[in-house]
Amino acid sequence: MRLSGSIRALAVAAHATLGALSVAPADARAYEHELSLGIETGIAHALGPELPGVRAGIHASYGIDDTWAIAAQLGYSIHPDASPLHVAEAAAELLYVIDVVRVVPYVGVGASYFGTLVDQQVGGEGGAHVVGGAHYYLSRAWAVGLDVRGHALFTALEEFPIYVTATLRLSWIQVL
């Protein structure tokens, strides 16, 4: 079954995140005025045509105050198949952050744009997404996290009703 590889990759990502939680705790502090820059890798899955894939990207966020942050990301996914699907994504979002000492869970909503390439045909779709995840502060300057997103494309709901990504993140943090 094609989905089993995606589930296996997500399990590896979750295991790595849980392993990172055993590292010595960081001090508690508010999320406000923190700039976070980072890299991410994980899985992407187009539901509908059932196309699992792999993903890599970069992300940035800024804590507006101790409960709200704005974030942006750029990502690339490839879905291997007889005609591989390449997906480039740009996203921006508003996050509600729950600052709980070492672990900082968050939820949010945002807008996305997907550029696609399949069979030498280029396409593009706008969409909306929901996001949930958590950062674990390894120190004042570094965090690891898990980020899960569900995207709905505005004009391609019949072709790709839901596009899901799950990534492990490594972030560098600087208080401004």
C-alpha atoms as a PDB file:
ATOM      1  CA  MET A   1       0.000   0.000   0.000  1.00  0.00           C
ATOM      2  CA  ARG A   2       1.461   3.370  -0.990  1.00  0.00           C
ATOM      3  CA  LEU A   3       0.324   5.152   2.155  1.00  0.00           C
ATOM      4  CA  SER A   4       2.390   2.931   4.438  1.00  0.00           C
ATOM      5  CA  GLY A   5       5.631   4.647   3.365  1.00  0.00           C
ATOM      6  CA  SER A   6       4.156   8.035   4.311  1.00  0.00           C
ATOM      7  CA  ILE A   7       2.962   6.753   7.654  1.00  0.00           C
ATOM      8  CA  ARG A   8       6.384   5.198   8.286  1.00  0.00           C
ATOM      9  CA  ALA A   9       8.077   8.542   7.478  1.00  0.00           C
ATOM     10  CA  LEU A  10       5.711  10.387   9.845  1.00  0.00           C
ATOM     11  CA  ALA A  11       6.462   7.853  12.597  1.00  0.00           C
ATOM     12  CA  VAL A  12      10.202   8.446  12.139  1.00  0.00           C
ATOM     13  CA  ALA A  13       9.628  12.220  12.335  1.00  0.00           C
ATOM     14  CA  ALA A  14       7.539  11.842  15.503  1.00  0.00           C
ATOM     15  CA  HIS A  15      10.170   9.582  17.075  1.00  0.00           C
ATOM     16  CA  ALA A  16      12.920  12.095  16.356  1.00  0.00           C
ATOM     17  CA  THR A  17      10.857  14.869  17.946  1.00  0.00           C
ATOM     18  CA  LEU A  18      10.155  12.766  21.040  1.00  0.00           C
ATOM     19  CA  GLY A  19      13.862  11.948  21.257  1.00  0.00           C
ATOM     20  CA  ALA A  20      14.650  15.644  21.228  1.00  0.00           C
ATOM     21  CA  LEU A  21      12.268  16.138  24.167  1.00  0.00           C
ATOM     22  CA  SER A  22      14.670  14.182  26.369  1.00  0.00           C
ATOM     23  CA  VAL A  23      17.348  16.861  25.968  1.00  0.00           C
ATOM     24  CA  ALA A  24      17.962  19.172  28.952  1.00  0.00           C
ATOM     25  CA  PRO A  25      15.127  21.732  29.333  1.00  0.00           C
ATOM     26  CA  ALA A  26      15.388  25.379  28.352  1.00  0.00           C
ATOM     27  CA  ASP A  27      14.275  28.242  30.589  1.00  0.00           C
ATOM     28  CA  ALA A  28      10.682  29.471  30.384  1.00  0.00           C
ATOM     29  CA  ARG A  29      10.050  32.757  28.611  1.00  0.00           C
ATOM     30  CA  ALA A  30       7.478  34.573  26.543  1.00  0.00           C
ATOM     31  CA  TYR A  31       7.298  34.102  22.783  1.00  0.00           C
ATOM     32  CA  GLU A  32       6.965  37.831  22.075  1.00  0.00           C
ATOM     33  CA  HIS A  33       9.530  39.603  19.911  1.00  0.00           C
ATOM     34  CA  GLU A  34      11.226  36.338  18.952  1.00  0.00           C
ATOM     35  CA  LEU A  35      12.416  35.912  15.400  1.00  0.00           C
ATOM     36  CA  SER A  36      12.642  32.270  14.372  1.00  0.00           C
ATOM     37  CA  LEU A  37      14.352  31.071  11.171  1.00  0.00           C
ATOM     38  CA  GLY A  38      14.632  27.444  10.235  1.00  0.00           C
ATOM     39  CA  ILE A  39      14.646  24.432   7.976  1.00  0.00           C
ATOM     40  CA  GLU A  40      12.175  21.582   7.744  1.00  0.00           C
ATOM     41  CA  THR A  41      11.805  18.168   6.172  1.00  0.00           C
ATOM     42  CA  GLY A  42       9.009  15.644   6.155  1.00  0.00           C
ATOM     43  CA  ILE A  43       6.201  14.209   4.110  1.00  0.00           C
ATOM     44  CA  ALA A  44       3.510  15.589   1.830  1.00  0.00           C
ATOM     45  CA  HIS A  45       0.415  13.715   0.779  1.00  0.00           C
ATOM     46  CA  ALA A  46      -2.170  14.644  -1.818  1.00  0.00           C
ATOM     47  CA  LEU A  47      -5.476  13.057  -0.816  1.00  0.00           C
ATOM     48  CA  GLY A  48      -7.800  12.205  -3.661  1.00  0.00           C
ATOM     49  CA  PRO A  49      -5.301  10.794  -6.138  1.00  0.00           C
ATOM     50  CA  GLU A  50      -3.343   9.295  -3.166  1.00  0.00           C
ATOM     51  CA  LEU A  51       0.097  10.690  -4.012  1.00  0.00           C
ATOM     52  CA  PRO A  52       2.572  10.419  -1.110  1.00  0.00           C
ATOM     53  CA  GLY A  53       5.756  12.436  -1.348  1.00  0.00           C
ATOM     54  CA  VAL A  54       8.679  14.012   0.468  1.00  0.00           C
ATOM     55  CA  ARG A  55       9.080  17.661   1.399  1.00  0.00           C
ATOM     56  CA  ALA A  56      11.754  20.171   2.378  1.00  0.00           C
ATOM     57  CA  GLY A  57      11.497  23.859   3.142  1.00  0.00           C
ATOM     58  CA  ILE A  58      12.430  26.953   5.080  1.00  0.00           C
ATOM     59  CA  HIS A  59      10.324  28.933   7.536  1.00  0.00           C
ATOM     60  CA  ALA A  60      10.329  32.152   9.519  1.00  0.00           C
ATOM     61  CA  SER A  61       8.114  33.513  12.292  1.00  0.00           C
ATOM     62  CA  TYR A  62       7.929  36.559  14.521  1.00  0.00           C
ATOM     63  CA  GLY A  63       6.199  36.726  17.915  1.00  0.00           C
ATOM     64  CA  ILE A  64       3.947  39.807  17.904  1.00  0.00           C
ATOM     65  CA  ASP A  65       3.196  39.324  21.606  1.00  0.00           C
ATOM     66  CA  ASP A  66       3.127  36.391  24.024  1.00  0.00           C
ATOM     67  CA  THR A  67       0.135  34.718  22.301  1.00  0.00           C
ATOM     68  CA  TRP A  68       0.229  35.749  18.610  1.00  0.00           C
ATOM     69  CA  ALA A  69       2.828  35.271  15.896  1.00  0.00           C
ATOM     70  CA  ILE A  70       3.021  35.750  12.146  1.00  0.00           C
ATOM     71  CA  ALA A  71       4.812  33.174  10.030  1.00  0.00           C
ATOM     72  CA  ALA A  72       5.825  32.409   6.461  1.00  0.00           C
ATOM     73  CA  GLN A  73       7.307  29.408   4.715  1.00  0.00           C
ATOM     74  CA  LEU A  74       8.613  28.240   1.374  1.00  0.00           C
ATOM     75  CA  GLY A  75       8.574  24.546   0.558  1.00  0.00           C
ATOM     76  CA  TYR A  76       9.160  22.023  -2.185  1.00  0.00           C
ATOM     77  CA  SER A  77       7.637  18.557  -2.439  1.00  0.00           C
ATOM     78  CA  ILE A  78       8.039  15.775  -4.953  1.00  0.00           C
ATOM     79  CA  HIS A  79       5.514  13.001  -5.394  1.00  0.00           C
ATOM     80  CA  PRO A  80       7.207  10.133  -7.271  1.00  0.00           C
ATOM     81  CA  ASP A  81       4.930   8.426  -9.790  1.00  0.00           C
ATOM     82  CA  ALA A  82       4.970   7.489 -13.476  1.00  0.00           C
ATOM     83  CA  SER A  83       4.526  11.256 -14.010  1.00  0.00           C
ATOM     84  CA  PRO A  84       6.130  12.827 -10.919  1.00  0.00           C
ATOM     85  CA  LEU A  85       4.303  15.774  -9.382  1.00  0.00           C
ATOM     86  CA  HIS A  86       6.529  18.661  -8.234  1.00  0.00           C
ATOM     87  CA  VAL A  87       4.949  21.170  -5.839  1.00  0.00           C
ATOM     88  CA  ALA A  88       6.413  24.510  -4.751  1.00  0.00           C
ATOM     89  CA  GLU A  89       4.559  26.274  -1.938  1.00  0.00           C
ATOM     90  CA  ALA A  90       4.569  29.743  -0.423  1.00  0.00           C
ATOM     91  CA  ALA A  91       2.469  30.293   2.696  1.00  0.00           C
ATOM     92  CA  ALA A  92       1.740  33.001   5.263  1.00  0.00           C
ATOM     93  CA  GLU A  93      -0.236  32.606   8.460  1.00  0.00           C
ATOM     94  CA  LEU A  94      -1.346  33.931  11.805  1.00  0.00           C
ATOM     95  CA  LEU A  95      -0.550  31.648  14.757  1.00  0.00           C
ATOM     96  CA  TYR A  96      -2.018  31.428  18.248  1.00  0.00           C
ATOM     97  CA  VAL A  97       0.876  30.398  20.506  1.00  0.00           C
ATOM     98  CA  ILE A  98       0.492  28.709  23.891  1.00  0.00           C
ATOM     99  CA  ASP A  99       3.745  29.386  25.751  1.00  0.00           C
ATOM    100  CA  VAL A 100       4.133  26.429  28.138  1.00  0.00           C
ATOM    101  CA  VAL A 101       7.706  26.590  29.468  1.00  0.00           C
ATOM    102  CA  ARG A 102       9.825  24.291  27.195  1.00  0.00           C
ATOM    103  CA  VAL A 103       7.119  23.116  24.810  1.00  0.00           C
ATOM    104  CA  VAL A 104       5.255  25.757  22.819  1.00  0.00           C
ATOM    105  CA  PRO A 105       2.195  24.384  20.982  1.00  0.00           C
ATOM    106  CA  TYR A 106       0.513  26.491  18.304  1.00  0.00           C
ATOM    107  CA  VAL A 107      -2.484  26.504  15.969  1.00  0.00           C
ATOM    108  CA  GLY A 108      -3.212  28.824  13.094  1.00  0.00           C
ATOM    109  CA  VAL A 109      -4.802  29.616   9.769  1.00  0.00           C
ATOM    110  CA  GLY A 110      -3.258  30.975   6.626  1.00  0.00           C
ATOM    111  CA  ALA A 111      -3.186  31.365   2.885  1.00  0.00           C
ATOM    112  CA  SER A 112      -1.050  29.306   0.498  1.00  0.00           C
ATOM    113  CA  TYR A 113      -0.043  29.361  -3.128  1.00  0.00           C
ATOM    114  CA  PHE A 114       1.025  26.158  -4.869  1.00  0.00           C
ATOM    115  CA  GLY A 115       2.975  26.049  -8.101  1.00  0.00           C
ATOM    116  CA  THR A 116       2.946  22.635  -9.752  1.00  0.00           C
ATOM    117  CA  LEU A 117       4.839  20.855 -12.488  1.00  0.00           C
ATOM    118  CA  VAL A 118       3.700  17.522 -13.939  1.00  0.00           C
ATOM    119  CA  ASP A 119       4.345  16.156 -17.437  1.00  0.00           C
ATOM    120  CA  GLN A 120       6.081  19.440 -18.338  1.00  0.00           C
ATOM    121  CA  GLN A 121       2.867  21.361 -17.595  1.00  0.00           C
ATOM    122  CA  VAL A 122       3.065  24.214 -15.107  1.00  0.00           C
ATOM    123  CA  GLY A 123       0.089  25.116 -12.938  1.00  0.00           C
ATOM    124  CA  GLY A 124      -0.733  27.204  -9.910  1.00  0.00           C
ATOM    125  CA  GLU A 125      -3.446  27.201  -7.259  1.00  0.00           C
ATOM    126  CA  GLY A 126      -4.292  29.388  -4.287  1.00  0.00           C
ATOM    127  CA  GLY A 127      -5.618  27.864  -1.103  1.00  0.00           C
ATOM    128  CA  ALA A 128      -6.208  28.126   2.613  1.00  0.00           C
ATOM    129  CA  HIS A 129      -4.744  25.995   5.357  1.00  0.00           C
ATOM    130  CA  VAL A 130      -4.952  25.136   9.031  1.00  0.00           C
ATOM    131  CA  VAL A 131      -1.790  24.394  10.966  1.00  0.00           C
ATOM    132  CA  GLY A 132      -0.946  22.820  14.284  1.00  0.00           C
ATOM    133  CA  GLY A 133       2.322  21.925  15.886  1.00  0.00           C
ATOM    134  CA  ALA A 134       4.760  22.507  18.696  1.00  0.00           C
ATOM    135  CA  HIS A 135       8.271  23.778  19.269  1.00  0.00           C
ATOM    136  CA  TYR A 136      10.535  22.372  21.933  1.00  0.00           C
ATOM    137  CA  TYR A 137      13.249  24.773  23.105  1.00  0.00           C
ATOM    138  CA  LEU A 138      16.601  23.006  23.264  1.00  0.00           C
ATOM    139  CA  SER A 139      18.204  26.275  24.435  1.00  0.00           C
ATOM    140  CA  ARG A 140      17.519  30.007  24.177  1.00  0.00           C
ATOM    141  CA  ALA A 141      18.777  29.924  20.583  1.00  0.00           C
ATOM    142  CA  TRP A 142      17.556  26.570  19.202  1.00  0.00           C
ATOM    143  CA  ALA A 143      14.276  24.689  18.964  1.00  0.00           C
ATOM    144  CA  VAL A 144      12.980  21.553  17.269  1.00  0.00           C
ATOM    145  CA  GLY A 145       9.381  21.066  16.316  1.00  0.00           C
ATOM    146  CA  LEU A 146       6.685  19.156  14.522  1.00  0.00           C
ATOM    147  CA  ASP A 147       4.362  21.007  12.122  1.00  0.00           C
ATOM    148  CA  VAL A 148       1.221  19.514  10.500  1.00  0.00           C
ATOM    149  CA  ARG A 149      -0.869  21.323   7.874  1.00  0.00           C
ATOM    150  CA  GLY A 150      -4.056  20.630   5.980  1.00  0.00           C
ATOM    151  CA  HIS A 151      -4.430  22.647   2.776  1.00  0.00           C
ATOM    152  CA  ALA A 152      -7.568  23.112   0.673  1.00  0.00           C
ATOM    153  CA  LEU A 153      -6.950  24.438  -2.838  1.00  0.00           C
ATOM    154  CA  PHE A 154      -9.563  26.967  -3.958  1.00  0.00           C
ATOM    155  CA  THR A 155      -9.994  25.866  -7.579  1.00  0.00           C
ATOM    156  CA  ALA A 156      -8.810  22.248  -7.533  1.00  0.00           C
ATOM    157  CA  LEU A 157     -11.086  20.684  -4.900  1.00  0.00           C
ATOM    158  CA  GLU A 158     -12.167  17.862  -7.213  1.00  0.00           C
ATOM    159  CA  GLU A 159      -8.607  17.011  -8.277  1.00  0.00           C
ATOM    160  CA  PHE A 160      -6.780  17.471  -4.943  1.00  0.00           C
ATOM    161  CA  PRO A 161      -9.397  18.013  -2.211  1.00  0.00           C
ATOM    162  CA  ILE A 162      -6.855  18.046   0.635  1.00  0.00           C
ATOM    163  CA  TYR A 163      -3.070  18.387   0.610  1.00  0.00           C
ATOM    164  CA  VAL A 164      -1.420  17.422   3.910  1.00  0.00           C
ATOM    165  CA  THR A 165       2.147  18.112   5.032  1.00  0.00           C
ATOM    166  CA  ALA A 166       3.930  17.000   8.195  1.00  0.00           C
ATOM    167  CA  THR A 167       7.449  18.232   8.870  1.00  0.00           C
ATOM    168  CA  LEU A 168      10.149  18.117  11.491  1.00  0.00           C
ATOM    169  CA  ARG A 169      11.670  21.543  12.063  1.00  0.00           C
ATOM    170  CA  LEU A 170      14.941  22.921  13.346  1.00  0.00           C
ATOM    171  CA  SER A 171      14.810  26.625  14.225  1.00  0.00           C
ATOM    172  CA  TRP A 172      17.314  29.271  15.247  1.00  0.00           C
ATOM    173  CA  ILE A 173      15.769  31.863  17.566  1.00  0.00           C
ATOM    174  CA  GLN A 174      16.760  35.426  18.292  1.00  0.00           C
ATOM    175  CA  VAL A 175      14.964  37.825  20.639  1.00  0.00           C
ATOM    176  CA  LEU A 176      14.721  41.279  19.030  1.00  0.00           C
END
